[in-house]
């Protein structure tokens, strides 16, 4: 379990894909009032896949690390493939058991991604 905590801390301290896209095809902003997490996810679509993705915002280590890991995963994936990502994928990706409130933190980036791929 320590390896998963280390991975979460690494992604929180050194987030991948953090920032804004100059010409995003789609952008979604979400807020988690329980924890105060805010996330904006932006993508650039090319054909039927995600060419580039970025996230910005602020929040707890779980939400920010999950956003970093998820944006790493979605680069280059097809919209069809991304639409099929279940919530359980996020739980497996972070690798630690979470309380219900922390689970909402972890799922915020996934919810942003699902909103984007549904609307594209």
PDB file of N, CA and C in Angstrom:
ATOM      1  N   UNK A   1       0.818  -1.186   0.000  1.00  0.00           N
ATOM      2  CA  UNK A   1       0.000   0.000   0.000  1.00  0.00           C
ATOM      3  C   UNK A   1       0.865   1.254   0.000  1.00  0.00           C
ATOM      4  N   UNK A   2       2.046   1.178   0.543  1.00  0.00           N
ATOM      5  CA  UNK A   2       2.943   2.337   0.594  1.00  0.00           C
ATOM      6  C   UNK A   2       3.310   2.827  -0.800  1.00  0.00           C
ATOM      7  N   UNK A   3       3.472   1.894  -1.750  1.00  0.00           N
ATOM      8  CA  UNK A   3       3.825   2.288  -3.119  1.00  0.00           C
ATOM      9  C   UNK A   3       2.719   3.160  -3.711  1.00  0.00           C
ATOM     10  N   UNK A   4       1.459   2.829  -3.426  1.00  0.00           N
ATOM     11  CA  UNK A   4       0.347   3.628  -3.944  1.00  0.00           C
ATOM     12  C   UNK A   4       0.330   5.015  -3.319  1.00  0.00           C
ATOM     13  N   UNK A   5       0.601   5.096  -2.021  1.00  0.00           N
ATOM     14  CA  UNK A   5       0.668   6.402  -1.361  1.00  0.00           C
ATOM     15  C   UNK A   5       1.792   7.238  -1.959  1.00  0.00           C
ATOM     16  N   UNK A   6       2.923   6.595  -2.244  1.00  0.00           N
ATOM     17  CA  UNK A   6       4.049   7.300  -2.857  1.00  0.00           C
ATOM     18  C   UNK A   6       3.681   7.823  -4.243  1.00  0.00           C
ATOM     19  N   UNK A   7       2.967   7.020  -5.012  1.00  0.00           N
ATOM     20  CA  UNK A   7       2.544   7.432  -6.357  1.00  0.00           C
ATOM     21  C   UNK A   7       1.575   8.608  -6.264  1.00  0.00           C
ATOM     22  N   UNK A   8       0.637   8.538  -5.333  1.00  0.00           N
ATOM     23  CA  UNK A   8      -0.318   9.637  -5.153  1.00  0.00           C
ATOM     24  C   UNK A   8       0.409  10.916  -4.770  1.00  0.00           C
ATOM     25  N   UNK A   9       1.334  10.826  -3.826  1.00  0.00           N
ATOM     26  CA  UNK A   9       2.090  12.013  -3.412  1.00  0.00           C
ATOM     27  C   UNK A   9       2.931  12.571  -4.549  1.00  0.00           C
ATOM     28  N   UNK A  10       3.521  11.689  -5.354  1.00  0.00           N
ATOM     29  CA  UNK A  10       4.324  12.151  -6.489  1.00  0.00           C
ATOM     30  C   UNK A  10       3.461  12.918  -7.491  1.00  0.00           C
ATOM     31  N   UNK A  11       2.302  12.379  -7.816  1.00  0.00           N
ATOM     32  CA  UNK A  11       1.407  13.060  -8.767  1.00  0.00           C
ATOM     33  C   UNK A  11       0.846  14.353  -8.184  1.00  0.00           C
ATOM     34  N   UNK A  12       0.664  14.396  -6.876  1.00  0.00           N
ATOM     35  CA  UNK A  12       0.172  15.621  -6.235  1.00  0.00           C
ATOM     36  C   UNK A  12       1.258  16.702  -6.244  1.00  0.00           C
ATOM     37  N   UNK A  13       2.470  16.313  -5.907  1.00  0.00           N
ATOM     38  CA  UNK A  13       3.573  17.282  -5.839  1.00  0.00           C
ATOM     39  C   UNK A  13       4.102  17.673  -7.213  1.00  0.00           C
ATOM     40  N   UNK A  14       4.024  16.752  -8.165  1.00  0.00           N
ATOM     41  CA  UNK A  14       4.533  16.967  -9.527  1.00  0.00           C
ATOM     42  C   UNK A  14       3.457  16.576 -10.534  1.00  0.00           C
ATOM     43  N   UNK A  15       2.370  17.335 -10.585  1.00  0.00           N
ATOM     44  CA  UNK A  15       1.255  16.931 -11.447  1.00  0.00           C
ATOM     45  C   UNK A  15       1.630  16.928 -12.926  1.00  0.00           C
ATOM     46  N   UNK A  16       1.193  15.886 -13.598  1.00  0.00           N
ATOM     47  CA  UNK A  16       1.368  15.784 -15.045  1.00  0.00           C
ATOM     48  C   UNK A  16       0.178  16.465 -15.704  1.00  0.00           C
ATOM     49  N   UNK A  17       0.420  17.080 -16.832  1.00  0.00           N
ATOM     50  CA  UNK A  17      -0.644  17.689 -17.644  1.00  0.00           C
ATOM     51  C   UNK A  17      -1.392  18.804 -16.923  1.00  0.00           C
ATOM     52  N   UNK A  18      -0.726  19.491 -16.011  1.00  0.00           N
ATOM     53  CA  UNK A  18      -1.356  20.594 -15.289  1.00  0.00           C
ATOM     54  C   UNK A  18      -1.200  21.869 -16.103  1.00  0.00           C
ATOM     55  N   UNK A  19      -2.277  22.602 -16.265  1.00  0.00           N
ATOM     56  CA  UNK A  19      -2.231  23.855 -17.000  1.00  0.00           C
ATOM     57  C   UNK A  19      -3.428  23.989 -17.918  1.00  0.00           C
ATOM     58  N   UNK A  20      -3.308  24.882 -18.856  1.00  0.00           N
ATOM     59  CA  UNK A  20      -4.405  25.180 -19.788  1.00  0.00           C
ATOM     60  C   UNK A  20      -3.958  24.886 -21.215  1.00  0.00           C
ATOM     61  N   UNK A  21      -4.927  24.561 -22.064  1.00  0.00           N
ATOM     62  CA  UNK A  21      -4.675  24.383 -23.489  1.00  0.00           C
ATOM     63  C   UNK A  21      -4.992  25.685 -24.216  1.00  0.00           C
ATOM     64  N   UNK A  22      -4.171  26.032 -25.175  1.00  0.00           N
ATOM     65  CA  UNK A  22      -4.387  27.269 -25.935  1.00  0.00           C
ATOM     66  C   UNK A  22      -5.681  27.209 -26.753  1.00  0.00           C
ATOM     67  N   UNK A  23      -5.968  26.056 -27.329  1.00  0.00           N
ATOM     68  CA  UNK A  23      -7.144  25.921 -28.199  1.00  0.00           C
ATOM     69  C   UNK A  23      -7.897  24.637 -27.863  1.00  0.00           C
ATOM     70  N   UNK A  24      -8.526  24.608 -26.709  1.00  0.00           N
ATOM     71  CA  UNK A  24      -9.259  23.420 -26.280  1.00  0.00           C
ATOM     72  C   UNK A  24     -10.523  23.240 -27.112  1.00  0.00           C
ATOM     73  N   UNK A  25     -10.806  21.994 -27.457  1.00  0.00           N
ATOM     74  CA  UNK A  25     -12.049  21.657 -28.135  1.00  0.00           C
ATOM     75  C   UNK A  25     -13.209  21.694 -27.147  1.00  0.00           C
ATOM     76  N   UNK A  26     -12.952  21.239 -25.931  1.00  0.00           N
ATOM     77  CA  UNK A  26     -13.990  21.171 -24.893  1.00  0.00           C
ATOM     78  C   UNK A  26     -13.354  21.392 -23.531  1.00  0.00           C
ATOM     79  N   UNK A  27     -14.086  22.066 -22.665  1.00  0.00           N
ATOM     80  CA  UNK A  27     -13.625  22.345 -21.309  1.00  0.00           C
ATOM     81  C   UNK A  27     -14.781  22.139 -20.339  1.00  0.00           C
ATOM     82  N   UNK A  28     -14.490  21.538 -19.185  1.00  0.00           N
ATOM     83  CA  UNK A  28     -15.504  21.320 -18.156  1.00  0.00           C
ATOM     84  C   UNK A  28     -14.903  21.682 -16.802  1.00  0.00           C
ATOM     85  N   UNK A  29     -15.670  22.409 -16.000  1.00  0.00           N
ATOM     86  CA  UNK A  29     -15.255  22.746 -14.637  1.00  0.00           C
ATOM     87  C   UNK A  29     -16.246  22.144 -13.649  1.00  0.00           C
ATOM     88  N   UNK A  30     -15.714  21.499 -12.610  1.00  0.00           N
ATOM     89  CA  UNK A  30     -16.549  20.898 -11.571  1.00  0.00           C
ATOM     90  C   UNK A  30     -16.037  21.302 -10.196  1.00  0.00           C
ATOM     91  N   UNK A  31     -16.924  21.220  -9.221  1.00  0.00           N
ATOM     92  CA  UNK A  31     -16.617  21.619  -7.849  1.00  0.00           C
ATOM     93  C   UNK A  31     -17.161  20.574  -6.884  1.00  0.00           C
ATOM     94  N   UNK A  32     -16.375  20.216  -5.888  1.00  0.00           N
ATOM     95  CA  UNK A  32     -16.798  19.292  -4.842  1.00  0.00           C
ATOM     96  C   UNK A  32     -16.962  20.091  -3.552  1.00  0.00           C
ATOM     97  N   UNK A  33     -18.186  20.415  -3.156  1.00  0.00           N
ATOM     98  CA  UNK A  33     -18.390  21.248  -1.971  1.00  0.00           C
ATOM     99  C   UNK A  33     -17.973  20.576  -0.663  1.00  0.00           C
ATOM    100  N   UNK A  34     -17.906  19.244  -0.634  1.00  0.00           N
ATOM    101  CA  UNK A  34     -17.514  18.545   0.591  1.00  0.00           C
ATOM    102  C   UNK A  34     -16.071  18.831   0.976  1.00  0.00           C
ATOM    103  N   UNK A  35     -15.212  18.923  -0.026  1.00  0.00           N
ATOM    104  CA  UNK A  35     -13.781  19.083   0.228  1.00  0.00           C
ATOM    105  C   UNK A  35     -13.257  20.434  -0.270  1.00  0.00           C
ATOM    106  N   UNK A  36     -14.024  21.074  -1.139  1.00  0.00           N
ATOM    107  CA  UNK A  36     -13.574  22.339  -1.714  1.00  0.00           C
ATOM    108  C   UNK A  36     -12.756  22.165  -2.982  1.00  0.00           C
ATOM    109  N   UNK A  37     -12.677  20.935  -3.485  1.00  0.00           N
ATOM    110  CA  UNK A  37     -11.913  20.675  -4.710  1.00  0.00           C
ATOM    111  C   UNK A  37     -12.570  21.353  -5.903  1.00  0.00           C
ATOM    112  N   UNK A  38     -11.737  21.924  -6.743  1.00  0.00           N
ATOM    113  CA  UNK A  38     -12.179  22.505  -8.018  1.00  0.00           C
ATOM    114  C   UNK A  38     -11.270  21.953  -9.105  1.00  0.00           C
ATOM    115  N   UNK A  39     -11.884  21.549 -10.204  1.00  0.00           N
ATOM    116  CA  UNK A  39     -11.087  21.057 -11.321  1.00  0.00           C
ATOM    117  C   UNK A  39     -11.685  21.552 -12.626  1.00  0.00           C
ATOM    118  N   UNK A  40     -10.805  21.943 -13.521  1.00  0.00           N
ATOM    119  CA  UNK A  40     -11.177  22.236 -14.897  1.00  0.00           C
ATOM    120  C   UNK A  40     -10.366  21.295 -15.763  1.00  0.00           C
ATOM    121  N   UNK A  41     -11.049  20.558 -16.611  1.00  0.00           N
ATOM    122  CA  UNK A  41     -10.371  19.658 -17.538  1.00  0.00           C
ATOM    123  C   UNK A  41     -10.642  20.159 -18.947  1.00  0.00           C
ATOM    124  N   UNK A  42      -9.591  20.212 -19.749  1.00  0.00           N
ATOM    125  CA  UNK A  42      -9.683  20.675 -21.132  1.00  0.00           C
ATOM    126  C   UNK A  42      -9.082  19.620 -22.044  1.00  0.00           C
ATOM    127  N   UNK A  43      -9.710  19.427 -23.198  1.00  0.00           N
ATOM    128  CA  UNK A  43      -9.177  18.473 -24.170  1.00  0.00           C
ATOM    129  C   UNK A  43      -9.141  19.090 -25.556  1.00  0.00           C
ATOM    130  N   UNK A  44      -8.250  18.562 -26.346  1.00  0.00           N
ATOM    131  CA  UNK A  44      -8.224  18.835 -27.773  1.00  0.00           C
ATOM    132  C   UNK A  44      -8.547  17.517 -28.460  1.00  0.00           C
ATOM    133  N   UNK A  45      -9.563  17.553 -29.279  1.00  0.00           N
ATOM    134  CA  UNK A  45     -10.009  16.355 -29.992  1.00  0.00           C
ATOM    135  C   UNK A  45      -9.424  16.363 -31.394  1.00  0.00           C
ATOM    136  N   UNK A  46      -8.984  15.205 -31.825  1.00  0.00           N
ATOM    137  CA  UNK A  46      -8.546  15.020 -33.207  1.00  0.00           C
ATOM    138  C   UNK A  46      -9.188  13.737 -33.704  1.00  0.00           C
ATOM    139  N   UNK A  47      -9.990  13.857 -34.760  1.00  0.00           N
ATOM    140  CA  UNK A  47     -10.806  12.743 -35.238  1.00  0.00           C
ATOM    141  C   UNK A  47     -11.675  12.276 -34.078  1.00  0.00           C
ATOM    142  N   UNK A  48     -11.579  11.036 -33.707  1.00  0.00           N
ATOM    143  CA  UNK A  48     -12.389  10.529 -32.600  1.00  0.00           C
ATOM    144  C   UNK A  48     -11.548  10.162 -31.393  1.00  0.00           C
ATOM    145  N   UNK A  49     -10.477  10.911 -31.172  1.00  0.00           N
ATOM    146  CA  UNK A  49      -9.636  10.628 -30.014  1.00  0.00           C
ATOM    147  C   UNK A  49      -9.193  11.920 -29.334  1.00  0.00           C
ATOM    148  N   UNK A  50      -8.650  11.764 -28.150  1.00  0.00           N
ATOM    149  CA  UNK A  50      -8.133  12.893 -27.381  1.00  0.00           C
ATOM    150  C   UNK A  50      -6.679  13.104 -27.779  1.00  0.00           C
ATOM    151  N   UNK A  51      -6.431  14.212 -28.436  1.00  0.00           N
ATOM    152  CA  UNK A  51      -5.068  14.536 -28.859  1.00  0.00           C
ATOM    153  C   UNK A  51      -4.254  15.067 -27.687  1.00  0.00           C
ATOM    154  N   UNK A  52      -4.873  15.921 -26.867  1.00  0.00           N
ATOM    155  CA  UNK A  52      -4.177  16.511 -25.732  1.00  0.00           C
ATOM    156  C   UNK A  52      -5.183  16.786 -24.623  1.00  0.00           C
ATOM    157  N   UNK A  53      -4.718  16.773 -23.402  1.00  0.00           N
ATOM    158  CA  UNK A  53      -5.579  17.017 -22.247  1.00  0.00           C
ATOM    159  C   UNK A  53      -4.781  17.739 -21.172  1.00  0.00           C
ATOM    160  N   UNK A  54      -5.440  18.655 -20.491  1.00  0.00           N
ATOM    161  CA  UNK A  54      -4.837  19.388 -19.379  1.00  0.00           C
ATOM    162  C   UNK A  54      -5.896  19.551 -18.291  1.00  0.00           C
ATOM    163  N   UNK A  55      -5.414  19.725 -17.075  1.00  0.00           N
ATOM    164  CA  UNK A  55      -6.324  20.045 -15.983  1.00  0.00           C
ATOM    165  C   UNK A  55      -5.730  21.175 -15.163  1.00  0.00           C
ATOM    166  N   UNK A  56      -6.606  21.901 -14.506  1.00  0.00           N
ATOM    167  CA  UNK A  56      -6.177  22.946 -13.585  1.00  0.00           C
ATOM    168  C   UNK A  56      -7.163  22.970 -12.436  1.00  0.00           C
ATOM    169  N   UNK A  57      -6.812  23.679 -11.403  1.00  0.00           N
ATOM    170  CA  UNK A  57      -7.675  23.777 -10.244  1.00  0.00           C
ATOM    171  C   UNK A  57      -6.885  23.596  -8.977  1.00  0.00           C
ATOM    172  N   UNK A  58      -7.618  23.414  -7.913  1.00  0.00           N
ATOM    173  CA  UNK A  58      -6.982  23.216  -6.618  1.00  0.00           C
ATOM    174  C   UNK A  58      -7.820  22.261  -5.807  1.00  0.00           C
ATOM    175  N   UNK A  59      -7.153  21.581  -4.898  1.00  0.00           N
ATOM    176  CA  UNK A  59      -7.879  20.640  -4.066  1.00  0.00           C
ATOM    177  C   UNK A  59      -6.945  19.753  -3.285  1.00  0.00           C
ATOM    178  N   UNK A  60      -7.523  18.745  -2.700  1.00  0.00           N
ATOM    179  CA  UNK A  60      -6.757  17.823  -1.871  1.00  0.00           C
ATOM    180  C   UNK A  60      -5.843  16.956  -2.736  1.00  0.00           C
ATOM    181  N   UNK A  61      -4.940  16.259  -2.064  1.00  0.00           N
ATOM    182  CA  UNK A  61      -3.973  15.407  -2.763  1.00  0.00           C
ATOM    183  C   UNK A  61      -4.672  14.344  -3.601  1.00  0.00           C
ATOM    184  N   UNK A  62      -5.766  13.784  -3.098  1.00  0.00           N
ATOM    185  CA  UNK A  62      -6.471  12.723  -3.825  1.00  0.00           C
ATOM    186  C   UNK A  62      -7.043  13.245  -5.139  1.00  0.00           C
ATOM    187  N   UNK A  63      -7.733  14.361  -5.127  1.00  0.00           N
ATOM    188  CA  UNK A  63      -8.349  14.868  -6.362  1.00  0.00           C
ATOM    189  C   UNK A  63      -7.293  15.299  -7.372  1.00  0.00           C
ATOM    190  N   UNK A  64      -6.263  15.971  -6.912  1.00  0.00           N
ATOM    191  CA  UNK A  64      -5.240  16.466  -7.832  1.00  0.00           C
ATOM    192  C   UNK A  64      -4.389  15.325  -8.394  1.00  0.00           C
ATOM    193  N   UNK A  65      -4.041  14.360  -7.553  1.00  0.00           N
ATOM    194  CA  UNK A  65      -3.260  13.214  -8.023  1.00  0.00           C
ATOM    195  C   UNK A  65      -4.072  12.370  -8.999  1.00  0.00           C
ATOM    196  N   UNK A  66      -5.348  12.180  -8.708  1.00  0.00           N
ATOM    197  CA  UNK A  66      -6.205  11.412  -9.612  1.00  0.00           C
ATOM    198  C   UNK A  66      -6.323  12.109 -10.960  1.00  0.00           C
ATOM    199  N   UNK A  67      -6.461  13.423 -10.949  1.00  0.00           N
ATOM    200  CA  UNK A  67      -6.527  14.176 -12.207  1.00  0.00           C
ATOM    201  C   UNK A  67      -5.238  13.999 -13.002  1.00  0.00           C
ATOM    202  N   UNK A  68      -4.109  14.051 -12.327  1.00  0.00           N
ATOM    203  CA  UNK A  68      -2.819  13.875 -12.989  1.00  0.00           C
ATOM    204  C   UNK A  68      -2.703  12.481 -13.610  1.00  0.00           C
ATOM    205  N   UNK A  69      -3.038  11.451 -12.831  1.00  0.00           N
ATOM    206  CA  UNK A  69      -2.949  10.073 -13.335  1.00  0.00           C
ATOM    207  C   UNK A  69      -3.939   9.830 -14.472  1.00  0.00           C
ATOM    208  N   UNK A  70      -5.147  10.347 -14.325  1.00  0.00           N
ATOM    209  CA  UNK A  70      -6.171  10.137 -15.347  1.00  0.00           C
ATOM    210  C   UNK A  70      -5.808  10.836 -16.651  1.00  0.00           C
ATOM    211  N   UNK A  71      -5.296  12.060 -16.573  1.00  0.00           N
ATOM    212  CA  UNK A  71      -4.929  12.763 -17.807  1.00  0.00           C
ATOM    213  C   UNK A  71      -3.761  12.076 -18.500  1.00  0.00           C
ATOM    214  N   UNK A  72      -2.854  11.477 -17.737  1.00  0.00           N
ATOM    215  CA  UNK A  72      -1.792  10.674 -18.347  1.00  0.00           C
ATOM    216  C   UNK A  72      -2.393   9.518 -19.138  1.00  0.00           C
ATOM    217  N   UNK A  73      -3.385   8.874 -18.559  1.00  0.00           N
ATOM    218  CA  UNK A  73      -3.994   7.701 -19.175  1.00  0.00           C
ATOM    219  C   UNK A  73      -4.756   8.037 -20.454  1.00  0.00           C
ATOM    220  N   UNK A  74      -5.478   9.152 -20.488  1.00  0.00           N
ATOM    221  CA  UNK A  74      -6.393   9.413 -21.602  1.00  0.00           C
ATOM    222  C   UNK A  74      -5.719   9.928 -22.870  1.00  0.00           C
ATOM    223  N   UNK A  75      -4.493  10.393 -22.776  1.00  0.00           N
ATOM    224  CA  UNK A  75      -3.792  10.919 -23.955  1.00  0.00           C
ATOM    225  C   UNK A  75      -3.831   9.902 -25.096  1.00  0.00           C
ATOM    226  N   UNK A  76      -4.359  10.314 -26.236  1.00  0.00           N
ATOM    227  CA  UNK A  76      -4.364   9.471 -27.426  1.00  0.00           C
ATOM    228  C   UNK A  76      -5.452   8.414 -27.484  1.00  0.00           C
ATOM    229  N   UNK A  77      -6.242   8.277 -26.442  1.00  0.00           N
ATOM    230  CA  UNK A  77      -7.294   7.256 -26.421  1.00  0.00           C
ATOM    231  C   UNK A  77      -8.511   7.725 -27.226  1.00  0.00           C
ATOM    232  N   UNK A  78      -9.250   6.743 -27.758  1.00  0.00           N
ATOM    233  CA  UNK A  78     -10.455   7.066 -28.521  1.00  0.00           C
ATOM    234  C   UNK A  78     -11.578   7.470 -27.574  1.00  0.00           C
ATOM    235  N   UNK A  79     -12.486   8.299 -28.080  1.00  0.00           N
ATOM    236  CA  UNK A  79     -13.638   8.711 -27.281  1.00  0.00           C
ATOM    237  C   UNK A  79     -14.484   7.504 -26.894  1.00  0.00           C
ATOM    238  N   UNK A  80     -14.619   6.565 -27.811  1.00  0.00           N
ATOM    239  CA  UNK A  80     -15.399   5.358 -27.533  1.00  0.00           C
ATOM    240  C   UNK A  80     -14.804   4.589 -26.356  1.00  0.00           C
ATOM    241  N   UNK A  81     -13.495   4.439 -26.357  1.00  0.00           N
ATOM    242  CA  UNK A  81     -12.819   3.737 -25.268  1.00  0.00           C
ATOM    243  C   UNK A  81     -12.988   4.483 -23.941  1.00  0.00           C
ATOM    244  N   UNK A  82     -12.868   5.800 -23.983  1.00  0.00           N
ATOM    245  CA  UNK A  82     -12.958   6.599 -22.763  1.00  0.00           C
ATOM    246  C   UNK A  82     -14.362   6.608 -22.181  1.00  0.00           C
ATOM    247  N   UNK A  83     -15.368   6.537 -23.036  1.00  0.00           N
ATOM    248  CA  UNK A  83     -16.756   6.525 -22.550  1.00  0.00           C
ATOM    249  C   UNK A  83     -17.059   5.274 -21.725  1.00  0.00           C
ATOM    250  N   UNK A  84     -16.251   4.246 -21.884  1.00  0.00           N
ATOM    251  CA  UNK A  84     -16.481   2.971 -21.197  1.00  0.00           C
ATOM    252  C   UNK A  84     -15.720   2.846 -19.878  1.00  0.00           C
ATOM    253  N   UNK A  85     -14.976   3.872 -19.488  1.00  0.00           N
ATOM    254  CA  UNK A  85     -14.208   3.787 -18.241  1.00  0.00           C
ATOM    255  C   UNK A  85     -15.173   3.820 -17.052  1.00  0.00           C
ATOM    256  N   UNK A  86     -15.205   2.745 -16.256  1.00  0.00           N
ATOM    257  CA  UNK A  86     -16.101   2.738 -15.091  1.00  0.00           C
ATOM    258  C   UNK A  86     -15.457   3.441 -13.891  1.00  0.00           C
ATOM    259  N   UNK A  87     -16.275   3.764 -12.915  1.00  0.00           N
ATOM    260  CA  UNK A  87     -15.769   4.362 -11.673  1.00  0.00           C
ATOM    261  C   UNK A  87     -14.696   3.482 -11.034  1.00  0.00           C
ATOM    262  N   UNK A  88     -14.880   2.186 -11.138  1.00  0.00           N
ATOM    263  CA  UNK A  88     -13.949   1.242 -10.520  1.00  0.00           C
ATOM    264  C   UNK A  88     -12.536   1.395 -11.066  1.00  0.00           C
ATOM    265  N   UNK A  89     -12.417   1.874 -12.288  1.00  0.00           N
ATOM    266  CA  UNK A  89     -11.099   2.114 -12.877  1.00  0.00           C
ATOM    267  C   UNK A  89     -10.311   3.093 -12.011  1.00  0.00           C
ATOM    268  N   UNK A  90     -10.973   4.132 -11.532  1.00  0.00           N
ATOM    269  CA  UNK A  90     -10.318   5.142 -10.698  1.00  0.00           C
ATOM    270  C   UNK A  90      -9.875   4.519  -9.383  1.00  0.00           C
ATOM    271  N   UNK A  91     -10.736   3.737  -8.771  1.00  0.00           N
ATOM    272  CA  UNK A  91     -10.388   3.098  -7.502  1.00  0.00           C
ATOM    273  C   UNK A  91      -9.194   2.168  -7.675  1.00  0.00           C
ATOM    274  N   UNK A  92      -9.166   1.427  -8.770  1.00  0.00           N
ATOM    275  CA  UNK A  92      -8.024   0.551  -9.043  1.00  0.00           C
ATOM    276  C   UNK A  92      -6.768   1.351  -9.340  1.00  0.00           C
ATOM    277  N   UNK A  93      -6.913   2.462 -10.031  1.00  0.00           N
ATOM    278  CA  UNK A  93      -5.769   3.288 -10.404  1.00  0.00           C
ATOM    279  C   UNK A  93      -5.083   3.864  -9.168  1.00  0.00           C
ATOM    280  N   UNK A  94      -5.856   4.341  -8.195  1.00  0.00           N
ATOM    281  CA  UNK A  94      -5.225   4.941  -7.020  1.00  0.00           C
ATOM    282  C   UNK A  94      -4.757   3.893  -6.022  1.00  0.00           C
ATOM    283  N   UNK A  95      -5.377   2.726  -6.035  1.00  0.00           N
ATOM    284  CA  UNK A  95      -4.851   1.592  -5.293  1.00  0.00           C
ATOM    285  C   UNK A  95      -4.978   1.610  -3.782  1.00  0.00           C
ATOM    286  N   UNK A  96      -5.718   2.536  -3.228  1.00  0.00           N
ATOM    287  CA  UNK A  96      -5.926   2.543  -1.780  1.00  0.00           C
ATOM    288  C   UNK A  96      -7.416   2.659  -1.498  1.00  0.00           C
ATOM    289  N   UNK A  97      -7.817   2.160  -0.346  1.00  0.00           N
ATOM    290  CA  UNK A  97      -9.220   2.254   0.042  1.00  0.00           C
ATOM    291  C   UNK A  97      -9.514   3.672   0.522  1.00  0.00           C
ATOM    292  N   UNK A  98     -10.656   4.182   0.110  1.00  0.00           N
ATOM    293  CA  UNK A  98     -11.024   5.555   0.449  1.00  0.00           C
ATOM    294  C   UNK A  98     -12.354   5.597   1.183  1.00  0.00           C
ATOM    295  N   UNK A  99     -12.488   6.567   2.065  1.00  0.00           N
ATOM    296  CA  UNK A  99     -13.774   6.812   2.723  1.00  0.00           C
ATOM    297  C   UNK A  99     -14.739   7.359   1.666  1.00  0.00           C
ATOM    298  N   UNK A 100     -16.041   7.343   1.939  1.00  0.00           N
ATOM    299  CA  UNK A 100     -16.993   7.881   0.958  1.00  0.00           C
ATOM    300  C   UNK A 100     -16.695   9.323   0.542  1.00  0.00           C
ATOM    301  N   UNK A 101     -16.297  10.168   1.485  1.00  0.00           N
ATOM    302  CA  UNK A 101     -15.981  11.557   1.131  1.00  0.00           C
ATOM    303  C   UNK A 101     -14.741  11.644   0.249  1.00  0.00           C
ATOM    304  N   UNK A 102     -13.724  10.867   0.561  1.00  0.00           N
ATOM    305  CA  UNK A 102     -12.500  10.866  -0.248  1.00  0.00           C
ATOM    306  C   UNK A 102     -12.752  10.249  -1.619  1.00  0.00           C
ATOM    307  N   UNK A 103     -13.674   9.307  -1.693  1.00  0.00           N
ATOM    308  CA  UNK A 103     -14.021   8.720  -2.984  1.00  0.00           C
ATOM    309  C   UNK A 103     -14.605   9.792  -3.900  1.00  0.00           C
ATOM    310  N   UNK A 104     -15.388  10.702  -3.343  1.00  0.00           N
ATOM    311  CA  UNK A 104     -15.928  11.805  -4.147  1.00  0.00           C
ATOM    312  C   UNK A 104     -14.803  12.687  -4.676  1.00  0.00           C
ATOM    313  N   UNK A 105     -13.757  12.868  -3.880  1.00  0.00           N
ATOM    314  CA  UNK A 105     -12.587  13.637  -4.328  1.00  0.00           C
ATOM    315  C   UNK A 105     -11.919  12.935  -5.509  1.00  0.00           C
ATOM    316  N   UNK A 106     -11.757  11.626  -5.387  1.00  0.00           N
ATOM    317  CA  UNK A 106     -11.087  10.854  -6.431  1.00  0.00           C
ATOM    318  C   UNK A 106     -11.902  10.807  -7.712  1.00  0.00           C
ATOM    319  N   UNK A 107     -13.220  10.807  -7.585  1.00  0.00           N
ATOM    320  CA  UNK A 107     -14.080  10.680  -8.766  1.00  0.00           C
ATOM    321  C   UNK A 107     -14.330  12.000  -9.489  1.00  0.00           C
ATOM    322  N   UNK A 108     -13.982  13.123  -8.883  1.00  0.00           N
ATOM    323  CA  UNK A 108     -14.225  14.418  -9.519  1.00  0.00           C
ATOM    324  C   UNK A 108     -13.559  14.524 -10.897  1.00  0.00           C
ATOM    325  N   UNK A 109     -12.279  14.165 -11.055  1.00  0.00           N
ATOM    326  CA  UNK A 109     -11.673  14.214 -12.395  1.00  0.00           C
ATOM    327  C   UNK A 109     -12.352  13.250 -13.378  1.00  0.00           C
ATOM    328  N   UNK A 110     -12.742  12.076 -12.900  1.00  0.00           N
ATOM    329  CA  UNK A 110     -13.443  11.105 -13.749  1.00  0.00           C
ATOM    330  C   UNK A 110     -14.779  11.687 -14.216  1.00  0.00           C
ATOM    331  N   UNK A 111     -15.495  12.345 -13.301  1.00  0.00           N
ATOM    332  CA  UNK A 111     -16.768  12.966 -13.670  1.00  0.00           C
ATOM    333  C   UNK A 111     -16.564  14.049 -14.728  1.00  0.00           C
ATOM    334  N   UNK A 112     -15.495  14.820 -14.595  1.00  0.00           N
ATOM    335  CA  UNK A 112     -15.190  15.851 -15.601  1.00  0.00           C
ATOM    336  C   UNK A 112     -14.907  15.201 -16.953  1.00  0.00           C
ATOM    337  N   UNK A 113     -14.110  14.141 -16.943  1.00  0.00           N
ATOM    338  CA  UNK A 113     -13.797  13.438 -18.191  1.00  0.00           C
ATOM    339  C   UNK A 113     -15.058  12.854 -18.819  1.00  0.00           C
ATOM    340  N   UNK A 114     -15.912  12.225 -18.019  1.00  0.00           N
ATOM    341  CA  UNK A 114     -17.136  11.626 -18.551  1.00  0.00           C
ATOM    342  C   UNK A 114     -18.046  12.691 -19.162  1.00  0.00           C
ATOM    343  N   UNK A 115     -18.116  13.843 -18.540  1.00  0.00           N
ATOM    344  CA  UNK A 115     -18.927  14.942 -19.087  1.00  0.00           C
ATOM    345  C   UNK A 115     -18.359  15.387 -20.434  1.00  0.00           C
ATOM    346  N   UNK A 116     -17.043  15.486 -20.522  1.00  0.00           N
ATOM    347  CA  UNK A 116     -16.404  15.894 -21.779  1.00  0.00           C
ATOM    348  C   UNK A 116     -16.672  14.882 -22.883  1.00  0.00           C
ATOM    349  N   UNK A 117     -16.376  13.611 -22.632  1.00  0.00           N
ATOM    350  CA  UNK A 117     -16.504  12.617 -23.711  1.00  0.00           C
ATOM    351  C   UNK A 117     -17.960  12.367 -24.083  1.00  0.00           C
ATOM    352  N   UNK A 118     -18.885  12.615 -23.178  1.00  0.00           N
ATOM    353  CA  UNK A 118     -20.304  12.489 -23.498  1.00  0.00           C
ATOM    354  C   UNK A 118     -20.752  13.616 -24.419  1.00  0.00           C
ATOM    355  N   UNK A 119     -20.193  14.797 -24.209  1.00  0.00           N
ATOM    356  CA  UNK A 119     -20.609  15.966 -24.987  1.00  0.00           C
ATOM    357  C   UNK A 119     -19.856  16.120 -26.305  1.00  0.00           C
ATOM    358  N   UNK A 120     -18.761  15.393 -26.484  1.00  0.00           N
ATOM    359  CA  UNK A 120     -18.014  15.498 -27.751  1.00  0.00           C
ATOM    360  C   UNK A 120     -18.627  14.620 -28.820  1.00  0.00           C
TER     361      UNK A 120
END
